Amino acid sequence: MDTKAWKVGELAKSTGLSIRTLHFYEEISLLAPSARTESGHRIYGEKDLLRLQQILSLKQLGLPLENIKLCLDEKKIFPIQIIQAHKKRIEEEKVKVDQLYGLLSRLEKALAAKKKLSMDEVIKTMEAITMYENMYKKYFTKKQLEKLSERRKALGEKKLKAIQAKWPKLIKAVRAEMIRGTHPNNPKALRLARQWKKLANAITKGDIDLSLSFMEMYKKEPKALKKLGIDPKLQDYVGKIMFCLSKKN
């Protein structure tokens, strides 16, 4: 066993994850404890912690759990590459945030001093704000946006509205199962997962790249999810039932 060890409660407290999440990762063979005590308590070692860090980094980059498992188990990506990719994403976000913060600060100072505003600064600020508001251009390539446009045209306005009308009811049903504590592998949860996948595929037509871009956008734009009635807990639950569904297929 590794030189240092953590019980499941200690690991949950240290990382901010729930014990339930760690148990779920074990159930889906994503992260298993290195050992157990004589009484059956889980013991996580240093290697387990390194794997957990890789899981969380890849998850924040927008990869679904099944893809993360594949990457780690088949060693399709090395630990240093995960760190580098995560750092790059954080750096990109930091540059954008710092730029907007600086522009807003300069406008704030000018207004506080009752100085005449520089129209160049105002325009730059508006450009930065628009960059944040225009999420689709931020997360989707030009080719992907063209695909989405073509798909919407193919469906037509009537079908699009029908699809949109189904989401609130489905989201409400999934939330109800989450509140009840329904296990992600429960037939009820899997049935809802199939409905969720069907609705999503109606727009993406099963395009994996489009699906990943949507996942990344919603991961990085909680306000967009909130408008749909999805909070982080529900998003996490949906991820779990979708993973269980993928294992059934």
Protein backbone atom coordinates (compact mmCIF):
# COMPACT_ATOMS: atom_id res chain seq x y z
CA MET A 1 0.00 0.00 0.00
CA ASP A 2 1.13 3.59 -0.49
CA THR A 3 3.01 5.40 2.30
CA LYS A 4 0.01 7.56 3.17
CA ALA A 5 -3.62 6.54 3.25
CA TRP A 6 -7.02 8.23 3.50
CA LYS A 7 -10.36 6.84 4.57
CA VAL A 8 -13.29 7.70 2.33
CA GLY A 9 -14.61 10.35 4.74
CA GLU A 10 -11.20 11.98 5.02
CA LEU A 11 -10.77 12.02 1.26
CA ALA A 12 -14.24 13.49 0.75
CA LYS A 13 -13.58 16.24 3.30
CA SER A 14 -10.15 17.05 1.86
CA THR A 15 -11.27 17.25 -1.77
CA GLY A 16 -14.75 18.73 -1.34
CA LEU A 17 -16.33 15.74 -3.04
CA SER A 18 -19.21 13.85 -1.46
CA ILE A 19 -18.79 10.34 -0.10
CA ARG A 20 -21.61 9.32 -2.42
CA THR A 21 -19.63 10.52 -5.45
CA LEU A 22 -16.57 8.53 -4.39
CA HIS A 23 -18.74 5.44 -3.90
CA PHE A 24 -20.24 5.98 -7.35
CA TYR A 25 -16.79 6.26 -8.94
CA GLU A 26 -15.97 2.90 -7.40
CA GLU A 27 -19.23 1.35 -8.64
CA ILE A 28 -18.46 2.33 -12.23
CA SER A 29 -14.82 1.19 -11.90
CA LEU A 30 -13.51 4.71 -12.39
CA LEU A 31 -11.73 4.99 -9.04
CA ALA A 32 -11.30 2.05 -6.68
CA PRO A 33 -9.60 2.25 -3.26
CA SER A 34 -6.22 0.53 -3.06
CA ALA A 35 -7.17 -1.41 0.06
CA ARG A 36 -9.74 -2.01 2.76
CA THR A 37 -9.43 -2.38 6.51
CA GLU A 38 -10.35 -5.63 8.24
CA SER A 39 -13.76 -4.14 8.96
CA GLY A 40 -14.25 -3.32 5.25
CA HIS A 41 -13.61 0.44 5.29
CA ARG A 42 -12.17 1.87 2.08
CA ILE A 43 -8.56 3.04 2.13
CA TYR A 44 -7.25 5.33 -0.62
CA GLY A 45 -3.53 5.64 -1.33
CA GLU A 46 -1.38 8.22 -3.08
CA LYS A 47 -1.85 6.54 -6.48
CA ASP A 48 -5.61 6.75 -5.99
CA LEU A 49 -5.35 10.46 -5.22
CA LEU A 50 -3.31 11.07 -8.37
CA ARG A 51 -5.94 9.25 -10.42
CA LEU A 52 -8.70 11.27 -8.75
CA GLN A 53 -6.90 14.50 -9.63
CA GLN A 54 -6.73 13.37 -13.26
CA ILE A 55 -10.44 12.49 -13.21
CA LEU A 56 -11.39 15.92 -11.86
CA SER A 57 -9.16 17.75 -14.36
CA LEU A 58 -10.61 15.84 -17.32
CA LYS A 59 -14.13 16.32 -15.96
CA GLN A 60 -13.61 20.09 -15.79
CA LEU A 61 -12.32 20.02 -19.36
CA GLY A 62 -15.75 18.70 -20.37
CA LEU A 63 -15.09 14.99 -20.90
CA PRO A 64 -17.90 12.62 -19.90
CA LEU A 65 -17.08 9.94 -17.31
CA GLU A 66 -17.03 7.08 -19.81
CA ASN A 67 -14.41 8.90 -21.92
CA ILE A 68 -12.36 9.71 -18.84
CA LYS A 69 -12.33 6.03 -17.85
CA LEU A 70 -11.25 5.05 -21.36
CA CYS A 71 -8.44 7.63 -21.40
CA LEU A 72 -7.06 6.57 -18.03
CA ASP A 73 -7.50 2.80 -18.34
CA GLU A 74 -6.08 2.55 -21.84
CA LYS A 75 -3.45 5.19 -21.12
CA LYS A 76 -4.56 7.23 -24.14
CA ILE A 77 -3.42 10.36 -22.36
CA PHE A 78 -0.50 10.83 -19.95
CA PRO A 79 -0.85 12.57 -16.55
CA ILE A 80 1.40 15.45 -17.60
CA GLN A 81 -0.76 16.02 -20.70
CA ILE A 82 -3.86 16.28 -18.48
CA ILE A 83 -2.15 18.88 -16.30
CA GLN A 84 -0.95 20.82 -19.34
CA ALA A 85 -4.40 20.81 -20.97
CA HIS A 86 -6.07 21.91 -17.74
CA LYS A 87 -3.51 24.68 -17.22
CA LYS A 88 -4.02 25.92 -20.78
CA ARG A 89 -7.79 26.10 -20.30
CA ILE A 90 -7.44 27.98 -17.00
CA GLU A 91 -4.92 30.40 -18.55
CA GLU A 92 -7.29 31.10 -21.46
CA GLU A 93 -10.16 31.83 -19.07
CA LYS A 94 -7.93 33.96 -16.84
CA VAL A 95 -6.80 36.13 -19.75
CA LYS A 96 -10.41 36.79 -20.75
CA VAL A 97 -11.53 37.53 -17.19
CA ASP A 98 -8.53 39.79 -16.48
CA GLN A 99 -9.12 41.70 -19.70
CA LEU A 100 -12.78 42.39 -18.92
CA TYR A 101 -11.97 43.22 -15.28
CA GLY A 102 -9.34 45.75 -16.35
CA LEU A 103 -11.69 47.42 -18.82
CA LEU A 104 -14.50 47.67 -16.27
CA SER A 105 -12.09 49.06 -13.66
CA ARG A 106 -10.95 51.82 -15.99
CA LEU A 107 -14.54 52.79 -16.77
CA GLU A 108 -15.37 52.73 -13.05
CA LYS A 109 -12.50 55.11 -12.23
CA ALA A 110 -13.46 57.48 -15.04
CA LEU A 111 -17.08 57.62 -13.85
CA ALA A 112 -16.04 58.07 -10.19
CA ALA A 113 -13.76 61.00 -11.17
CA LYS A 114 -16.51 62.39 -13.41
CA LYS A 115 -14.12 62.31 -16.32
CA LYS A 116 -15.20 62.08 -19.93
CA LEU A 117 -15.35 58.46 -20.96
CA SER A 118 -13.08 57.27 -23.74
CA MET A 119 -15.28 55.84 -26.46
CA ASP A 120 -12.49 53.46 -27.43
CA GLU A 121 -12.56 52.03 -23.90
CA VAL A 122 -16.36 51.79 -23.96
CA ILE A 123 -16.25 49.92 -27.28
CA LYS A 124 -13.55 47.57 -26.02
CA THR A 125 -15.62 46.87 -22.92
CA MET A 126 -18.70 46.13 -24.99
CA GLU A 127 -16.68 43.79 -27.18
CA ALA A 128 -15.44 41.93 -24.10
CA ILE A 129 -18.98 41.67 -22.69
CA THR A 130 -20.31 40.45 -26.02
CA MET A 131 -17.59 37.80 -26.07
CA TYR A 132 -18.97 36.45 -22.81
CA GLU A 133 -22.60 36.73 -23.88
CA ASN A 134 -22.08 35.12 -27.25
CA MET A 135 -21.48 31.66 -25.81
CA TYR A 136 -22.02 29.73 -28.99
CA LYS A 137 -19.15 31.44 -30.78
CA LYS A 138 -17.09 30.90 -27.66
CA TYR A 139 -17.60 27.16 -27.46
CA PHE A 140 -18.45 26.07 -31.00
CA THR A 141 -16.33 26.14 -34.12
CA LYS A 142 -17.59 27.79 -37.29
CA LYS A 143 -18.21 24.35 -38.80
CA GLN A 144 -20.17 23.25 -35.73
CA LEU A 145 -22.33 26.37 -35.85
CA GLU A 146 -23.08 25.65 -39.50
CA LYS A 147 -24.10 22.10 -38.57
CA LEU A 148 -26.44 23.41 -35.85
CA SER A 149 -27.95 25.91 -38.26
CA GLU A 150 -28.55 23.19 -40.86
CA ARG A 151 -30.05 20.91 -38.23
CA ARG A 152 -32.46 23.61 -37.04
CA LYS A 153 -33.54 24.30 -40.61
CA ALA A 154 -34.08 20.57 -41.22
CA LEU A 155 -36.22 20.24 -38.10
CA GLY A 156 -38.26 23.35 -38.75
CA GLU A 157 -39.72 25.83 -36.27
CA LYS A 158 -42.62 23.60 -35.24
CA LYS A 159 -40.45 20.60 -34.32
CA LEU A 160 -37.91 22.80 -32.55
CA LYS A 161 -40.63 24.27 -30.34
CA ALA A 162 -41.95 20.79 -29.63
CA ILE A 163 -38.48 19.63 -28.55
CA GLN A 164 -37.99 22.71 -26.36
CA ALA A 165 -41.37 22.16 -24.73
CA LYS A 166 -40.37 18.64 -23.63
CA TRP A 167 -37.25 19.72 -21.72
CA PRO A 168 -38.89 21.34 -18.63
CA LYS A 169 -41.05 18.26 -17.98
CA LEU A 170 -38.08 15.90 -18.38
CA ILE A 171 -35.82 18.02 -16.18
CA LYS A 172 -38.52 18.08 -13.50
CA ALA A 173 -38.83 14.28 -13.65
CA VAL A 174 -35.07 13.76 -13.37
CA ARG A 175 -34.88 16.15 -10.42
CA ALA A 176 -37.66 14.23 -8.67
CA GLU A 177 -35.69 10.97 -8.95
CA MET A 178 -32.53 12.70 -7.74
CA ILE A 179 -34.37 14.05 -4.66
CA ARG A 180 -35.79 10.59 -3.98
CA GLY A 181 -32.24 9.25 -4.00
CA THR A 182 -32.88 6.95 -6.97
CA HIS A 183 -29.65 5.18 -7.92
CA PRO A 184 -28.34 6.18 -11.38
CA ASN A 185 -28.51 2.52 -12.44
CA ASN A 186 -32.18 2.20 -11.45
CA PRO A 187 -34.54 1.38 -14.38
CA LYS A 188 -36.50 4.61 -13.72
CA ALA A 189 -33.34 6.70 -13.96
CA LEU A 190 -32.16 4.83 -17.07
CA ARG A 191 -35.53 5.39 -18.76
CA LEU A 192 -35.17 9.13 -18.14
CA ALA A 193 -31.58 8.99 -19.41
CA ARG A 194 -32.81 7.48 -22.68
CA GLN A 195 -35.36 10.29 -23.03
CA TRP A 196 -32.66 12.87 -22.26
CA LYS A 197 -30.34 11.36 -24.85
CA LYS A 198 -33.12 11.24 -27.43
CA LEU A 199 -33.95 14.91 -26.96
CA ALA A 200 -30.29 15.93 -27.09
CA ASN A 201 -29.71 13.83 -30.20
CA ALA A 202 -32.66 15.54 -31.88
CA ILE A 203 -30.43 18.62 -32.06
CA THR A 204 -26.94 17.11 -32.28
CA LYS A 205 -28.00 14.10 -34.37
CA GLY A 206 -25.56 12.00 -32.36
CA ASP A 207 -22.55 14.16 -33.27
CA ILE A 208 -20.04 13.50 -30.45
CA ASP A 209 -18.07 16.73 -31.03
CA LEU A 210 -21.24 18.82 -30.83
CA SER A 211 -22.31 17.01 -27.66
CA LEU A 212 -18.92 17.68 -26.04
CA SER A 213 -19.13 21.37 -27.00
CA PHE A 214 -22.58 21.63 -25.43
CA MET A 215 -21.27 19.93 -22.28
CA GLU A 216 -18.31 22.31 -22.10
CA MET A 217 -20.53 25.34 -22.61
CA TYR A 218 -22.94 24.33 -19.85
CA LYS A 219 -20.03 23.43 -17.59
CA LYS A 220 -18.52 26.88 -17.99
CA GLU A 221 -21.78 28.85 -18.17
CA PRO A 222 -23.89 28.01 -15.09
CA LYS A 223 -26.31 30.84 -15.94
CA ALA A 224 -27.24 29.04 -19.14
CA LEU A 225 -28.00 25.89 -17.17
CA LYS A 226 -29.94 27.87 -14.57
CA LYS A 227 -32.25 29.18 -17.27
CA LEU A 228 -33.03 25.57 -18.15
CA GLY A 229 -33.67 24.74 -14.49
CA ILE A 230 -30.47 22.71 -14.09
CA ASP A 231 -28.15 23.26 -11.13
CA PRO A 232 -24.72 21.62 -10.59
CA LYS A 233 -26.18 18.80 -8.46
CA LEU A 234 -28.70 17.87 -11.15
CA GLN A 235 -26.03 18.13 -13.84
CA ASP A 236 -23.84 15.73 -11.86
CA TYR A 237 -26.76 13.31 -11.43
CA VAL A 238 -27.52 13.41 -15.16
CA GLY A 239 -23.85 12.64 -15.87
CA LYS A 240 -24.06 9.60 -13.62
CA ILE A 241 -27.25 8.17 -15.13
CA MET A 242 -25.90 8.76 -18.64
CA PHE A 243 -22.75 6.88 -17.70
CA CYS A 244 -24.81 3.96 -16.37
CA LEU A 245 -26.83 4.01 -19.58
CA SER A 246 -23.66 3.83 -21.69
CA LYS A 247 -22.63 0.68 -19.83
CA LYS A 248 -25.99 -0.92 -20.66
CA ASN A 249 -25.63 -0.24 -24.38
